[in-house]
Amino acid sequence: MHKVLSLWFDSVDSGRLNEARNELHLLLKEDELRGAFLLVYANKQDLLGAMNVAEVYPERVCHHCEGLYKGLDWLANNIASKVNLFDGLSKS
């Protein structure tokens, strides 16, 4: 079973950004989340002064895509690459 942690940052609320980062770092230290996929969204990108994902969480950004569906596609593709889809199935 694969674990996923999805985090939504308010990209215009820089005042709470450090609090959110600290909470994320604490979560990522939990044994239950070891090896979890991390999907970070920076919402409100259409507003003036919005930070992008790399500014919001520069420590972990490895891939950038825009939009909910593209992020979920990225997640599904990464999980699928780790799973043998034919485990437990017999060939007919």
C-alpha atoms as a PDB file:
ATOM      1  CA  MET A   1       0.000   0.000   0.000  1.00  0.00           C
ATOM      2  CA  HIS A   2       1.320   3.438  -0.910  1.00  0.00           C
ATOM      3  CA  LYS A   3       0.870   6.468   1.283  1.00  0.00           C
ATOM      4  CA  VAL A   4       0.123   9.968   0.044  1.00  0.00           C
ATOM      5  CA  LEU A   5       0.374  13.277   1.807  1.00  0.00           C
ATOM      6  CA  SER A   6      -1.336  16.134  -0.002  1.00  0.00           C
ATOM      7  CA  LEU A   7      -0.714  19.613   1.319  1.00  0.00           C
ATOM      8  CA  TRP A   8      -2.468  22.785   0.239  1.00  0.00           C
ATOM      9  CA  PHE A   9      -0.713  26.070   0.891  1.00  0.00           C
ATOM     10  CA  ASP A  10      -2.469  29.423   0.707  1.00  0.00           C
ATOM     11  CA  SER A  11       0.078  31.049  -1.562  1.00  0.00           C
ATOM     12  CA  VAL A  12      -0.879  34.589  -0.601  1.00  0.00           C
ATOM     13  CA  ASP A  13      -0.792  34.052   3.182  1.00  0.00           C
ATOM     14  CA  SER A  14       2.921  34.413   3.847  1.00  0.00           C
ATOM     15  CA  GLY A  15       2.211  35.028   7.537  1.00  0.00           C
ATOM     16  CA  ARG A  16       1.210  31.397   8.131  1.00  0.00           C
ATOM     17  CA  LEU A  17       3.738  29.887   5.761  1.00  0.00           C
ATOM     18  CA  ASN A  18       6.384  29.109   8.396  1.00  0.00           C
ATOM     19  CA  GLU A  19       3.772  27.475  10.629  1.00  0.00           C
ATOM     20  CA  ALA A  20       2.612  25.274   7.753  1.00  0.00           C
ATOM     21  CA  ARG A  21       6.196  24.347   6.824  1.00  0.00           C
ATOM     22  CA  ASN A  22       6.984  23.403  10.425  1.00  0.00           C
ATOM     23  CA  GLU A  23       3.897  21.200  10.636  1.00  0.00           C
ATOM     24  CA  LEU A  24       4.825  19.529   7.362  1.00  0.00           C
ATOM     25  CA  HIS A  25       8.351  18.805   8.596  1.00  0.00           C
ATOM     26  CA  LEU A  26       6.901  17.223  11.745  1.00  0.00           C
ATOM     27  CA  LEU A  27       4.533  15.078   9.689  1.00  0.00           C
ATOM     28  CA  LEU A  28       7.307  13.894   7.398  1.00  0.00           C
ATOM     29  CA  LYS A  29       9.281  12.637  10.408  1.00  0.00           C
ATOM     30  CA  GLU A  30       6.449  10.279  11.387  1.00  0.00           C
ATOM     31  CA  ASP A  31       7.191   6.600  10.771  1.00  0.00           C
ATOM     32  CA  GLU A  32       3.719   6.123   9.272  1.00  0.00           C
ATOM     33  CA  LEU A  33       4.584   8.579   6.483  1.00  0.00           C
ATOM     34  CA  ARG A  34       8.005   7.182   5.650  1.00  0.00           C
ATOM     35  CA  GLY A  35       8.200   6.785   1.888  1.00  0.00           C
ATOM     36  CA  ALA A  36       4.941   8.643   1.297  1.00  0.00           C
ATOM     37  CA  PHE A  37       4.370  10.538  -1.902  1.00  0.00           C
ATOM     38  CA  LEU A  38       4.166  14.265  -1.226  1.00  0.00           C
ATOM     39  CA  LEU A  39       1.879  16.379  -3.378  1.00  0.00           C
ATOM     40  CA  VAL A  40       2.051  20.114  -2.649  1.00  0.00           C
ATOM     41  CA  TYR A  41      -0.433  22.594  -4.022  1.00  0.00           C
ATOM     42  CA  ALA A  42      -0.036  26.359  -3.852  1.00  0.00           C
ATOM     43  CA  ASN A  43      -3.577  27.616  -4.316  1.00  0.00           C
ATOM     44  CA  LYS A  44      -4.779  31.118  -5.217  1.00  0.00           C
ATOM     45  CA  GLN A  45      -2.159  31.408  -7.958  1.00  0.00           C
ATOM     46  CA  ASP A  46      -4.382  33.854  -9.818  1.00  0.00           C
ATOM     47  CA  LEU A  47      -4.081  36.484  -7.081  1.00  0.00           C
ATOM     48  CA  LEU A  48      -1.577  39.307  -7.071  1.00  0.00           C
ATOM     49  CA  GLY A  49       1.458  38.530  -4.921  1.00  0.00           C
ATOM     50  CA  ALA A  50       0.916  34.776  -4.917  1.00  0.00           C
ATOM     51  CA  MET A  51       4.016  32.678  -4.285  1.00  0.00           C
ATOM     52  CA  ASN A  52       4.623  29.695  -6.544  1.00  0.00           C
ATOM     53  CA  VAL A  53       5.180  26.173  -5.207  1.00  0.00           C
ATOM     54  CA  ALA A  54       8.971  26.501  -5.354  1.00  0.00           C
ATOM     55  CA  GLU A  55       8.766  29.616  -3.173  1.00  0.00           C
ATOM     56  CA  VAL A  56       6.265  28.054  -0.801  1.00  0.00           C
ATOM     57  CA  TYR A  57       8.177  24.814  -0.263  1.00  0.00           C
ATOM     58  CA  PRO A  58      11.576  24.951  -1.983  1.00  0.00           C
ATOM     59  CA  GLU A  59      13.033  22.031  -0.004  1.00  0.00           C
ATOM     60  CA  ARG A  60      10.971  19.383  -1.772  1.00  0.00           C
ATOM     61  CA  VAL A  61       9.857  20.588  -5.170  1.00  0.00           C
ATOM     62  CA  CYS A  62      11.025  18.066  -7.731  1.00  0.00           C
ATOM     63  CA  HIS A  63       8.271  18.355 -10.280  1.00  0.00           C
ATOM     64  CA  HIS A  64       6.057  21.276 -11.181  1.00  0.00           C
ATOM     65  CA  CYS A  65       2.669  21.083 -12.805  1.00  0.00           C
ATOM     66  CA  GLU A  66      -0.315  23.340 -12.768  1.00  0.00           C
ATOM     67  CA  GLY A  67      -3.782  22.385 -11.690  1.00  0.00           C
ATOM     68  CA  LEU A  68      -5.518  19.815  -9.576  1.00  0.00           C
ATOM     69  CA  TYR A  69      -5.892  17.195 -12.291  1.00  0.00           C
ATOM     70  CA  LYS A  70      -2.297  17.438 -13.487  1.00  0.00           C
ATOM     71  CA  GLY A  71      -1.101  16.999  -9.912  1.00  0.00           C
ATOM     72  CA  LEU A  72      -3.313  13.958  -9.437  1.00  0.00           C
ATOM     73  CA  ASP A  73      -2.112  12.546 -12.769  1.00  0.00           C
ATOM     74  CA  TRP A  74       1.491  12.988 -11.594  1.00  0.00           C
ATOM     75  CA  LEU A  75       0.630  11.183  -8.367  1.00  0.00           C
ATOM     76  CA  ALA A  76      -1.181   8.327 -10.114  1.00  0.00           C
ATOM     77  CA  ASN A  77       1.688   7.847 -12.582  1.00  0.00           C
ATOM     78  CA  ASN A  78       4.252   7.727  -9.777  1.00  0.00           C
ATOM     79  CA  ILE A  79       2.241   5.239  -7.767  1.00  0.00           C
ATOM     80  CA  ALA A  80       1.634   3.109 -10.861  1.00  0.00           C
ATOM     81  CA  SER A  81       5.361   3.037 -11.580  1.00  0.00           C
ATOM     82  CA  LYS A  82       5.912   1.507  -8.139  1.00  0.00           C
ATOM     83  CA  VAL A  83       3.163  -1.104  -8.406  1.00  0.00           C
ATOM     84  CA  ASN A  84       3.161  -4.246 -10.459  1.00  0.00           C
ATOM     85  CA  LEU A  85      -0.360  -4.034 -11.826  1.00  0.00           C
ATOM     86  CA  PHE A  86      -0.439  -7.755 -12.525  1.00  0.00           C
ATOM     87  CA  ASP A  87       0.308  -8.993  -8.998  1.00  0.00           C
ATOM     88  CA  GLY A  88      -2.205 -11.638  -8.037  1.00  0.00           C
ATOM     89  CA  LEU A  89      -3.775 -11.873 -11.470  1.00  0.00           C
ATOM     90  CA  SER A  90      -3.538 -14.999 -13.542  1.00  0.00           C
ATOM     91  CA  LYS A  91      -2.959 -14.759 -17.256  1.00  0.00           C
ATOM     92  CA  SER A  92      -5.801 -16.111 -19.362  1.00  0.00           C
END
